[in-house]
Amino acid sequence: MKFRESTLTAGAHTCVGCGRVHASNEVDHDTPLEQGGSNDQSNLVARRTDCQAKTKREAQER
């Protein structure tokens, strides 16, 4: 819970993908775990659950 709160606060609840600010933004892995990412604070970012920027990027990486 500490990582979640500090990640959202550090990012001012701003989605790194689309820039939208919303209190319901969630913490997400910048580099997915299955692609070698970690659970370290440095790999966690605030992101909307329905962010189209993330969906598009992940589709291109597949």
PDB file of N, CA and C in Angstrom:
ATOM      1  N   MET A   1       0.815  -1.194   0.000  1.00  0.00           N
ATOM      2  CA  MET A   1       0.000   0.000   0.000  1.00  0.00           C
ATOM      3  C   MET A   1       0.860   1.261   0.000  1.00  0.00           C
ATOM      4  N   LYS A   2       2.007   1.224   0.640  1.00  0.00           N
ATOM      5  CA  LYS A   2       2.890   2.388   0.657  1.00  0.00           C
ATOM      6  C   LYS A   2       3.340   2.760  -0.751  1.00  0.00           C
ATOM      7  N   PHE A   3       3.738   1.755  -1.551  1.00  0.00           N
ATOM      8  CA  PHE A   3       4.201   2.019  -2.913  1.00  0.00           C
ATOM      9  C   PHE A   3       3.092   2.655  -3.738  1.00  0.00           C
ATOM     10  N   ARG A   4       1.880   2.162  -3.584  1.00  0.00           N
ATOM     11  CA  ARG A   4       0.759   2.693  -4.352  1.00  0.00           C
ATOM     12  C   ARG A   4       0.566   4.168  -4.032  1.00  0.00           C
ATOM     13  N   GLU A   5       0.462   4.484  -2.765  1.00  0.00           N
ATOM     14  CA  GLU A   5       0.229   5.871  -2.364  1.00  0.00           C
ATOM     15  C   GLU A   5       1.361   6.789  -2.799  1.00  0.00           C
ATOM     16  N   SER A   6       2.593   6.359  -2.606  1.00  0.00           N
ATOM     17  CA  SER A   6       3.718   7.221  -2.972  1.00  0.00           C
ATOM     18  C   SER A   6       3.850   7.368  -4.485  1.00  0.00           C
ATOM     19  N   THR A   7       3.520   6.326  -5.237  1.00  0.00           N
ATOM     20  CA  THR A   7       3.576   6.406  -6.700  1.00  0.00           C
ATOM     21  C   THR A   7       2.523   7.376  -7.219  1.00  0.00           C
ATOM     22  N   LEU A   8       1.311   7.272  -6.702  1.00  0.00           N
ATOM     23  CA  LEU A   8       0.249   8.177  -7.141  1.00  0.00           C
ATOM     24  C   LEU A   8       0.529   9.611  -6.726  1.00  0.00           C
ATOM     25  N   THR A   9       1.037   9.801  -5.529  1.00  0.00           N
ATOM     26  CA  THR A   9       1.350  11.145  -5.054  1.00  0.00           C
ATOM     27  C   THR A   9       2.491  11.750  -5.865  1.00  0.00           C
ATOM     28  N   ALA A  10       3.531  10.972  -6.110  1.00  0.00           N
ATOM     29  CA  ALA A  10       4.683  11.470  -6.865  1.00  0.00           C
ATOM     30  C   ALA A  10       4.281  11.878  -8.278  1.00  0.00           C
ATOM     31  N   GLY A  11       3.354  11.148  -8.856  1.00  0.00           N
ATOM     32  CA  GLY A  11       2.895  11.455 -10.203  1.00  0.00           C
ATOM     33  C   GLY A  11       1.707  12.389 -10.235  1.00  0.00           C
ATOM     34  N   ALA A  12       1.306  12.923  -9.089  1.00  0.00           N
ATOM     35  CA  ALA A  12       0.170  13.834  -8.969  1.00  0.00           C
ATOM     36  C   ALA A  12      -1.094  13.238  -9.599  1.00  0.00           C
ATOM     37  N   HIS A  13      -1.239  11.922  -9.452  1.00  0.00           N
ATOM     38  CA  HIS A  13      -2.403  11.204  -9.998  1.00  0.00           C
ATOM     39  C   HIS A  13      -2.551  11.414 -11.503  1.00  0.00           C
ATOM     40  N   THR A  14      -1.441  11.651 -12.201  1.00  0.00           N
ATOM     41  CA  THR A  14      -1.459  11.903 -13.630  1.00  0.00           C
ATOM     42  C   THR A  14      -1.039  10.649 -14.382  1.00  0.00           C
ATOM     43  N   CYS A  15      -1.871  10.207 -15.313  1.00  0.00           N
ATOM     44  CA  CYS A  15      -1.572   9.027 -16.114  1.00  0.00           C
ATOM     45  C   CYS A  15      -0.356   9.306 -16.993  1.00  0.00           C
ATOM     46  N   VAL A  16       0.642   8.434 -16.947  1.00  0.00           N
ATOM     47  CA  VAL A  16       1.848   8.628 -17.745  1.00  0.00           C
ATOM     48  C   VAL A  16       1.587   8.387 -19.227  1.00  0.00           C
ATOM     49  N   GLY A  17       0.518   7.716 -19.546  1.00  0.00           N
ATOM     50  CA  GLY A  17       0.207   7.426 -20.945  1.00  0.00           C
ATOM     51  C   GLY A  17      -0.520   8.547 -21.656  1.00  0.00           C
ATOM     52  N   CYS A  18      -1.519   9.125 -20.999  1.00  0.00           N
ATOM     53  CA  CYS A  18      -2.360  10.107 -21.672  1.00  0.00           C
ATOM     54  C   CYS A  18      -2.395  11.469 -20.986  1.00  0.00           C
ATOM     55  N   GLY A  19      -1.851  11.552 -19.785  1.00  0.00           N
ATOM     56  CA  GLY A  19      -1.793  12.823 -19.075  1.00  0.00           C
ATOM     57  C   GLY A  19      -3.044  13.209 -18.316  1.00  0.00           C
ATOM     58  N   ARG A  20      -4.032  12.337 -18.300  1.00  0.00           N
ATOM     59  CA  ARG A  20      -5.251  12.654 -17.563  1.00  0.00           C
ATOM     60  C   ARG A  20      -5.012  12.529 -16.057  1.00  0.00           C
ATOM     61  N   VAL A  21      -5.567  13.479 -15.317  1.00  0.00           N
ATOM     62  CA  VAL A  21      -5.461  13.478 -13.864  1.00  0.00           C
ATOM     63  C   VAL A  21      -6.788  12.964 -13.303  1.00  0.00           C
ATOM     64  N   HIS A  22      -6.704  11.945 -12.471  1.00  0.00           N
ATOM     65  CA  HIS A  22      -7.918  11.420 -11.863  1.00  0.00           C
ATOM     66  C   HIS A  22      -7.544  10.666 -10.603  1.00  0.00           C
ATOM     67  N   ALA A  23      -8.359  10.810  -9.573  1.00  0.00           N
ATOM     68  CA  ALA A  23      -8.094  10.156  -8.289  1.00  0.00           C
ATOM     69  C   ALA A  23      -8.174   8.641  -8.386  1.00  0.00           C
ATOM     70  N   SER A  24      -8.862   8.120  -9.398  1.00  0.00           N
ATOM     71  CA  SER A  24      -8.992   6.665  -9.515  1.00  0.00           C
ATOM     72  C   SER A  24      -7.896   6.022 -10.375  1.00  0.00           C
ATOM     73  N   ASN A  25      -6.915   6.811 -10.832  1.00  0.00           N
ATOM     74  CA  ASN A  25      -5.806   6.208 -11.574  1.00  0.00           C
ATOM     75  C   ASN A  25      -5.152   5.137 -10.715  1.00  0.00           C
ATOM     76  N   GLU A  26      -4.671   4.100 -11.359  1.00  0.00           N
ATOM     77  CA  GLU A  26      -4.076   2.981 -10.641  1.00  0.00           C
ATOM     78  C   GLU A  26      -2.576   2.932 -10.850  1.00  0.00           C
ATOM     79  N   VAL A  27      -1.921   2.148 -10.019  1.00  0.00           N
ATOM     80  CA  VAL A  27      -0.485   1.941 -10.158  1.00  0.00           C
ATOM     81  C   VAL A  27      -0.271   0.761 -11.085  1.00  0.00           C
ATOM     82  N   ASP A  28       0.615   0.945 -12.048  1.00  0.00           N
ATOM     83  CA  ASP A  28       0.874  -0.075 -13.055  1.00  0.00           C
ATOM     84  C   ASP A  28       2.385  -0.225 -13.209  1.00  0.00           C
ATOM     85  N   HIS A  29       2.798  -1.369 -13.698  1.00  0.00           N
ATOM     86  CA  HIS A  29       4.216  -1.582 -13.989  1.00  0.00           C
ATOM     87  C   HIS A  29       4.548  -0.899 -15.309  1.00  0.00           C
ATOM     88  N   ASP A  30       5.559  -0.065 -15.334  1.00  0.00           N
ATOM     89  CA  ASP A  30       5.981   0.583 -16.569  1.00  0.00           C
ATOM     90  C   ASP A  30       6.482  -0.473 -17.539  1.00  0.00           C
ATOM     91  N   THR A  31       7.369  -1.349 -17.078  1.00  0.00           N
ATOM     92  CA  THR A  31       7.800  -2.511 -17.851  1.00  0.00           C
ATOM     93  C   THR A  31       7.107  -3.714 -17.226  1.00  0.00           C
ATOM     94  N   PRO A  32       6.235  -4.380 -17.980  1.00  0.00           N
ATOM     95  CA  PRO A  32       5.492  -5.519 -17.422  1.00  0.00           C
ATOM     96  C   PRO A  32       6.417  -6.591 -16.847  1.00  0.00           C
ATOM     97  N   LEU A  33       5.925  -7.258 -15.824  1.00  0.00           N
ATOM     98  CA  LEU A  33       6.714  -8.315 -15.176  1.00  0.00           C
ATOM     99  C   LEU A  33       7.129  -9.388 -16.163  1.00  0.00           C
ATOM    100  N   GLU A  34       6.228  -9.761 -17.090  1.00  0.00           N
ATOM    101  CA  GLU A  34       6.550 -10.825 -18.048  1.00  0.00           C
ATOM    102  C   GLU A  34       7.583 -10.392 -19.082  1.00  0.00           C
ATOM    103  N   GLN A  35       7.894  -9.085 -19.118  1.00  0.00           N
ATOM    104  CA  GLN A  35       8.928  -8.588 -20.020  1.00  0.00           C
ATOM    105  C   GLN A  35      10.192  -8.206 -19.252  1.00  0.00           C
ATOM    106  N   GLY A  36      10.313  -8.714 -18.041  1.00  0.00           N
ATOM    107  CA  GLY A  36      11.515  -8.476 -17.260  1.00  0.00           C
ATOM    108  C   GLY A  36      11.430  -7.328 -16.277  1.00  0.00           C
ATOM    109  N   GLY A  37      10.269  -6.716 -16.155  1.00  0.00           N
ATOM    110  CA  GLY A  37      10.091  -5.629 -15.198  1.00  0.00           C
ATOM    111  C   GLY A  37      10.098  -6.159 -13.775  1.00  0.00           C
ATOM    112  N   SER A  38      10.162  -5.258 -12.844  1.00  0.00           N
ATOM    113  CA  SER A  38      10.215  -5.646 -11.436  1.00  0.00           C
ATOM    114  C   SER A  38       9.108  -4.950 -10.659  1.00  0.00           C
ATOM    115  N   ASN A  39       8.984  -5.326  -9.404  1.00  0.00           N
ATOM    116  CA  ASN A  39       8.035  -4.679  -8.505  1.00  0.00           C
ATOM    117  C   ASN A  39       8.676  -3.517  -7.754  1.00  0.00           C
ATOM    118  N   ASP A  40       9.866  -3.106  -8.170  1.00  0.00           N
ATOM    119  CA  ASP A  40      10.548  -1.988  -7.530  1.00  0.00           C
ATOM    120  C   ASP A  40       9.776  -0.693  -7.764  1.00  0.00           C
ATOM    121  N   GLN A  41       9.889   0.215  -6.824  1.00  0.00           N
ATOM    122  CA  GLN A  41       9.227   1.512  -6.926  1.00  0.00           C
ATOM    123  C   GLN A  41       9.569   2.216  -8.242  1.00  0.00           C
ATOM    124  N   SER A  42      10.784   2.039  -8.723  1.00  0.00           N
ATOM    125  CA  SER A  42      11.215   2.716  -9.946  1.00  0.00           C
ATOM    126  C   SER A  42      10.487   2.214 -11.194  1.00  0.00           C
ATOM    127  N   ASN A  43       9.809   1.078 -11.110  1.00  0.00           N
ATOM    128  CA  ASN A  43       9.088   0.524 -12.260  1.00  0.00           C
ATOM    129  C   ASN A  43       7.577   0.729 -12.134  1.00  0.00           C
ATOM    130  N   LEU A  44       7.133   1.467 -11.142  1.00  0.00           N
ATOM    131  CA  LEU A  44       5.709   1.687 -10.930  1.00  0.00           C
ATOM    132  C   LEU A  44       5.317   3.096 -11.354  1.00  0.00           C
ATOM    133  N   VAL A  45       4.190   3.203 -12.054  1.00  0.00           N
ATOM    134  CA  VAL A  45       3.710   4.491 -12.543  1.00  0.00           C
ATOM    135  C   VAL A  45       2.200   4.591 -12.345  1.00  0.00           C
ATOM    136  N   ALA A  46       1.688   5.807 -12.352  1.00  0.00           N
ATOM    137  CA  ALA A  46       0.242   6.022 -12.306  1.00  0.00           C
ATOM    138  C   ALA A  46      -0.293   5.923 -13.722  1.00  0.00           C
ATOM    139  N   ARG A  47      -1.408   5.198 -13.870  1.00  0.00           N
ATOM    140  CA  ARG A  47      -1.982   5.025 -15.197  1.00  0.00           C
ATOM    141  C   ARG A  47      -3.486   4.773 -15.070  1.00  0.00           C
ATOM    142  N   ARG A  48      -4.241   5.277 -16.034  1.00  0.00           N
ATOM    143  CA  ARG A  48      -5.664   4.955 -16.097  1.00  0.00           C
ATOM    144  C   ARG A  48      -5.819   3.509 -16.517  1.00  0.00           C
ATOM    145  N   THR A  49      -6.810   2.842 -16.004  1.00  0.00           N
ATOM    146  CA  THR A  49      -7.017   1.435 -16.361  1.00  0.00           C
ATOM    147  C   THR A  49      -7.415   1.276 -17.816  1.00  0.00           C
ATOM    148  N   ASP A  50      -8.052   2.285 -18.384  1.00  0.00           N
ATOM    149  CA  ASP A  50      -8.482   2.192 -19.781  1.00  0.00           C
ATOM    150  C   ASP A  50      -7.674   3.104 -20.701  1.00  0.00           C
ATOM    151  N   CYS A  51      -6.438   3.368 -20.333  1.00  0.00           N
ATOM    152  CA  CYS A  51      -5.583   4.258 -21.110  1.00  0.00           C
ATOM    153  C   CYS A  51      -5.286   3.652 -22.483  1.00  0.00           C
ATOM    154  N   GLN A  52      -5.678   4.344 -23.517  1.00  0.00           N
ATOM    155  CA  GLN A  52      -5.476   3.862 -24.872  1.00  0.00           C
ATOM    156  C   GLN A  52      -4.000   3.891 -25.279  1.00  0.00           C
ATOM    157  N   ALA A  53      -3.214   4.797 -24.705  1.00  0.00           N
ATOM    158  CA  ALA A  53      -1.792   4.875 -25.031  1.00  0.00           C
ATOM    159  C   ALA A  53      -1.086   3.588 -24.624  1.00  0.00           C
ATOM    160  N   LYS A  54      -1.430   3.044 -23.460  1.00  0.00           N
ATOM    161  CA  LYS A  54      -0.813   1.796 -23.013  1.00  0.00           C
ATOM    162  C   LYS A  54      -1.255   0.641 -23.904  1.00  0.00           C
ATOM    163  N   THR A  55      -2.528   0.576 -24.218  1.00  0.00           N
ATOM    164  CA  THR A  55      -3.051  -0.501 -25.050  1.00  0.00           C
ATOM    165  C   THR A  55      -2.358  -0.507 -26.405  1.00  0.00           C
ATOM    166  N   LYS A  56      -2.196   0.667 -27.011  1.00  0.00           N
ATOM    167  CA  LYS A  56      -1.552   0.782 -28.318  1.00  0.00           C
ATOM    168  C   LYS A  56      -0.087   0.366 -28.240  1.00  0.00           C
ATOM    169  N   ARG A  57       0.621   0.819 -27.200  1.00  0.00           N
ATOM    170  CA  ARG A  57       2.042   0.470 -27.046  1.00  0.00           C
ATOM    171  C   ARG A  57       2.225  -1.010 -26.849  1.00  0.00           C
ATOM    172  N   GLU A  58       1.394  -1.620 -25.993  1.00  0.00           N
ATOM    173  CA  GLU A  58       1.516  -3.049 -25.740  1.00  0.00           C
ATOM    174  C   GLU A  58       1.188  -3.857 -26.991  1.00  0.00           C
ATOM    175  N   ALA A  59       0.234  -3.418 -27.783  1.00  0.00           N
ATOM    176  CA  ALA A  59      -0.117  -4.130 -29.012  1.00  0.00           C
ATOM    177  C   ALA A  59       1.053  -4.083 -29.993  1.00  0.00           C
ATOM    178  N   GLN A  60       1.741  -2.961 -30.068  1.00  0.00           N
ATOM    179  CA  GLN A  60       2.883  -2.822 -30.975  1.00  0.00           C
ATOM    180  C   GLN A  60       4.055  -3.684 -30.535  1.00  0.00           C
ATOM    181  N   GLU A  61       4.197  -3.886 -29.228  1.00  0.00           N
ATOM    182  CA  GLU A  61       5.320  -4.662 -28.707  1.00  0.00           C
ATOM    183  C   GLU A  61       5.115  -6.162 -28.898  1.00  0.00           C
ATOM    184  N   ARG A  62       3.891  -6.576 -29.149  1.00  0.00           N
ATOM    185  CA  ARG A  62       3.615  -8.009 -29.299  1.00  0.00           C
ATOM    186  C   ARG A  62       3.934  -8.463 -30.654  1.00  0.00           C
TER     187      ARG A  62
END
